[in-house]
Amino acid sequence: MLASIFCFAMRAPTDGRKRPVSDETLRQLYDLLRWAPTSANCNPMRIVFLRTKEGKARLRPALAPGDVDKVMSAPVTAIVAYDLNFYEKLPLLFPHNAGMRDHFAHSPELVETTAKRNSSLQGAYLILAARALGLDCGPMSGFDNAKVDDPKPVNWLSTGCWRTSWQPSYNCSGHRSRSPDGSDARTQTTR
């Protein structure tokens, strides 16, 4: 299981062998990652899953040129965002400390920092959960956040309090490879 999560899953869906990702698989994905730890159980990550051609076409103007084909051909692309009002849920998520909500409510800088850090952590959990379910996926940060965050033309994020972080795309190819040539250059980056 660990090898399929860390070593053999493709980092991004690039091959042509793609199968649809079902609603049930997306529910399983969320069920796996939702219990993973965040500081003060804040859980600031919000996800928008895109599967339709129309949805991905709306995202296209915000994508970096090198990511367009990957996103357009992937069965699912997830927009990973963070909610700047995450602290409103703390009385439910962190009930043993009644003052935690107010601690964040009076510190916008702390809210932003906490939301960014913990949504990135949750995004990593999202990738691990996806790989555990047999999905190939990898993060892509090659997009214009301001275009995706702007509620006027696209309205992805439903409220003005969500901000994008990055996006993974998912592929159900069943193919597992460390890299196109089978090597692992990452071993040269650690000592």
Protein backbone atom coordinates (compact mmCIF):
# COMPACT_ATOMS: atom_id res chain seq x y z
CA MET A 1 0.00 0.00 0.00
CA LEU A 2 2.73 2.51 0.92
CA ALA A 3 4.60 1.84 -2.30
CA SER A 4 1.45 2.49 -4.34
CA ILE A 5 0.95 5.81 -2.54
CA PHE A 6 4.51 7.14 -2.51
CA CYS A 7 6.47 5.35 -5.22
CA PHE A 8 4.44 4.03 -8.08
CA ALA A 9 1.51 6.37 -8.59
CA MET A 10 1.99 8.81 -11.43
CA ARG A 11 2.55 12.37 -10.29
CA ALA A 12 0.16 13.74 -12.90
CA PRO A 13 -2.25 12.05 -15.29
CA THR A 14 -0.35 12.17 -18.56
CA ASP A 15 -0.99 8.90 -20.34
CA GLY A 16 -3.95 8.14 -22.57
CA ARG A 17 -5.47 5.32 -20.51
CA LYS A 18 -8.09 7.22 -18.56
CA ARG A 19 -11.31 6.01 -16.97
CA PRO A 20 -14.04 8.11 -15.37
CA VAL A 21 -13.89 8.80 -11.63
CA SER A 22 -17.27 8.07 -10.03
CA ASP A 23 -19.15 10.10 -7.43
CA GLU A 24 -18.67 7.17 -5.08
CA THR A 25 -14.88 7.33 -5.52
CA LEU A 26 -14.92 11.07 -4.80
CA ARG A 27 -16.99 10.42 -1.65
CA GLN A 28 -14.51 7.74 -0.57
CA LEU A 29 -11.69 10.17 -1.26
CA TYR A 30 -13.22 12.81 1.00
CA ASP A 31 -14.10 10.25 3.69
CA LEU A 32 -10.44 9.18 3.83
CA LEU A 33 -8.96 12.65 4.12
CA ARG A 34 -11.51 14.40 6.34
CA TRP A 35 -10.24 12.84 9.55
CA ALA A 36 -6.58 13.68 8.93
CA PRO A 37 -5.13 16.13 11.45
CA THR A 38 -4.93 19.90 11.11
CA SER A 39 -4.02 22.44 13.78
CA ALA A 40 -6.94 22.96 16.17
CA ASN A 41 -9.02 20.72 13.87
CA CYS A 42 -9.52 23.82 11.75
CA ASN A 43 -10.04 21.99 8.44
CA PRO A 44 -9.92 25.09 6.21
CA MET A 45 -9.65 23.26 2.87
CA ARG A 46 -12.55 23.48 0.44
CA ILE A 47 -12.66 21.47 -2.79
CA VAL A 48 -14.42 22.02 -6.09
CA PHE A 49 -14.34 18.91 -8.31
CA LEU A 50 -14.55 19.51 -12.08
CA ARG A 51 -15.49 16.66 -14.40
CA THR A 52 -17.48 18.20 -17.22
CA LYS A 53 -15.97 19.65 -20.36
CA GLU A 54 -17.91 22.85 -19.68
CA GLY A 55 -16.52 23.18 -16.16
CA LYS A 56 -12.95 22.60 -17.29
CA ALA A 57 -13.43 25.02 -20.20
CA ARG A 58 -14.35 27.72 -17.68
CA LEU A 59 -11.07 26.99 -15.87
CA ARG A 60 -8.98 26.97 -19.05
CA PRO A 61 -8.27 30.77 -19.21
CA ALA A 62 -6.68 30.59 -15.75
CA LEU A 63 -4.35 27.65 -16.56
CA ALA A 64 -0.68 27.83 -17.42
CA PRO A 65 -0.11 26.69 -21.03
CA GLY A 66 1.79 23.58 -19.92
CA ASP A 67 -1.12 22.37 -17.78
CA VAL A 68 -4.01 22.92 -20.21
CA ASP A 69 -3.88 19.47 -21.87
CA LYS A 70 -3.47 17.69 -18.51
CA VAL A 71 -6.49 19.39 -16.99
CA MET A 72 -8.69 19.15 -20.07
CA SER A 73 -8.02 15.42 -20.52
CA ALA A 74 -8.13 14.36 -16.86
CA PRO A 75 -11.35 12.69 -15.72
CA VAL A 76 -11.41 14.96 -12.65
CA THR A 77 -9.64 18.13 -11.63
CA ALA A 78 -9.98 19.41 -8.08
CA ILE A 79 -9.63 23.06 -7.21
CA VAL A 80 -8.12 23.14 -3.73
CA ALA A 81 -9.06 26.28 -1.84
CA TYR A 82 -9.05 27.54 1.72
CA ASP A 83 -11.89 29.22 3.55
CA LEU A 84 -11.01 32.44 5.37
CA ASN A 85 -14.07 31.90 7.56
CA PHE A 86 -12.98 28.41 8.65
CA TYR A 87 -12.93 29.55 12.28
CA GLU A 88 -16.74 29.81 12.29
CA LYS A 89 -16.80 26.00 12.39
CA LEU A 90 -14.38 25.73 15.34
CA PRO A 91 -17.10 25.48 18.02
CA LEU A 92 -18.11 22.23 16.31
CA LEU A 93 -14.64 21.01 15.27
CA PHE A 94 -12.73 22.08 18.40
CA PRO A 95 -15.42 22.11 21.13
CA HIS A 96 -13.12 21.68 24.11
CA ASN A 97 -11.75 25.23 23.64
CA ALA A 98 -14.66 27.65 23.39
CA GLY A 99 -12.39 30.66 22.90
CA MET A 100 -10.64 29.36 19.79
CA ARG A 101 -13.17 30.86 17.37
CA ASP A 102 -12.71 34.33 18.85
CA HIS A 103 -8.94 33.90 18.88
CA PHE A 104 -9.05 33.68 15.07
CA ALA A 105 -11.93 36.10 14.52
CA HIS A 106 -9.82 38.97 15.87
CA SER A 107 -6.65 38.15 13.93
CA PRO A 108 -6.98 38.24 10.11
CA GLU A 109 -3.25 37.60 9.68
CA LEU A 110 -3.46 34.46 11.81
CA VAL A 111 -6.52 33.35 9.84
CA GLU A 112 -4.70 33.70 6.50
CA THR A 113 -1.54 31.95 7.71
CA THR A 114 -3.45 29.11 9.37
CA ALA A 115 -5.77 28.63 6.40
CA LYS A 116 -2.90 28.49 3.88
CA ARG A 117 -0.76 26.11 5.90
CA ASN A 118 -3.50 23.73 6.89
CA SER A 119 -5.26 23.66 3.51
CA SER A 120 -1.90 22.77 1.94
CA LEU A 121 -1.53 20.00 4.48
CA GLN A 122 -5.05 18.81 3.69
CA GLY A 123 -4.25 18.98 -0.01
CA ALA A 124 -1.38 16.58 0.61
CA TYR A 125 -3.80 14.29 2.43
CA LEU A 126 -6.07 14.57 -0.61
CA ILE A 127 -3.32 13.29 -2.90
CA LEU A 128 -2.43 10.45 -0.52
CA ALA A 129 -6.09 9.43 -0.24
CA ALA A 130 -6.49 9.56 -4.03
CA ARG A 131 -3.43 7.39 -4.55
CA ALA A 132 -4.64 4.94 -1.87
CA LEU A 133 -7.83 4.59 -3.92
CA GLY A 134 -5.81 3.81 -7.06
CA LEU A 135 -6.00 7.23 -8.69
CA ASP A 136 -2.98 8.78 -10.36
CA CYS A 137 -2.70 12.42 -9.39
CA GLY A 138 -0.34 15.25 -8.74
CA PRO A 139 -0.46 18.89 -7.73
CA MET A 140 -0.43 21.68 -10.29
CA SER A 141 0.14 25.26 -9.25
CA GLY A 142 0.37 26.58 -12.79
CA PHE A 143 -2.74 28.72 -12.84
CA ASP A 144 -3.78 32.30 -12.21
CA ASN A 145 -5.23 32.28 -8.70
CA ALA A 146 -6.83 35.71 -9.13
CA LYS A 147 -8.85 34.52 -12.14
CA VAL A 148 -10.14 31.49 -10.27
CA ASP A 149 -10.79 33.40 -7.04
CA ASP A 150 -12.70 36.23 -8.74
CA PRO A 151 -16.40 35.55 -8.04
CA LYS A 152 -17.67 37.64 -10.97
CA PRO A 153 -16.81 35.81 -14.20
CA VAL A 154 -16.57 32.23 -13.01
CA ASN A 155 -17.92 32.00 -9.44
CA TRP A 156 -16.14 28.73 -8.62
CA LEU A 157 -15.82 29.32 -4.97
CA SER A 158 -19.36 30.44 -4.11
CA THR A 159 -18.34 32.94 -1.45
CA GLY A 160 -15.83 35.73 -1.41
CA CYS A 161 -14.08 34.04 1.50
CA TRP A 162 -12.52 31.12 -0.38
CA ARG A 163 -9.05 31.45 -1.96
CA THR A 164 -7.41 28.94 -4.26
CA SER A 165 -4.27 27.17 -3.26
CA TRP A 166 -3.54 24.68 -6.06
CA GLN A 167 -5.16 21.90 -8.03
CA PRO A 168 -4.58 18.21 -8.55
CA SER A 169 -5.94 16.31 -11.53
CA TYR A 170 -6.98 12.69 -11.24
CA ASN A 171 -6.61 9.85 -13.69
CA CYS A 172 -7.83 6.27 -13.30
CA SER A 173 -5.35 4.75 -15.69
CA GLY A 174 -4.20 1.80 -13.63
CA HIS A 175 -0.69 2.65 -14.85
CA ARG A 176 2.05 2.96 -12.25
CA SER A 177 5.47 4.40 -12.99
CA ARG A 178 8.00 6.46 -11.06
CA SER A 179 8.86 8.56 -14.08
CA PRO A 180 8.72 8.12 -17.85
CA ASP A 181 12.17 6.49 -17.94
CA GLY A 182 11.69 4.49 -14.72
CA SER A 183 14.33 6.42 -12.76
CA ASP A 184 13.85 8.42 -9.63
CA ALA A 185 15.79 11.68 -9.76
CA ARG A 186 14.47 12.62 -6.33
CA THR A 187 17.06 10.38 -4.67
CA GLN A 188 19.64 12.97 -5.69
CA THR A 189 17.88 15.76 -3.72
CA THR A 190 18.32 14.33 -0.22
CA ARG A 191 21.35 13.53 1.90
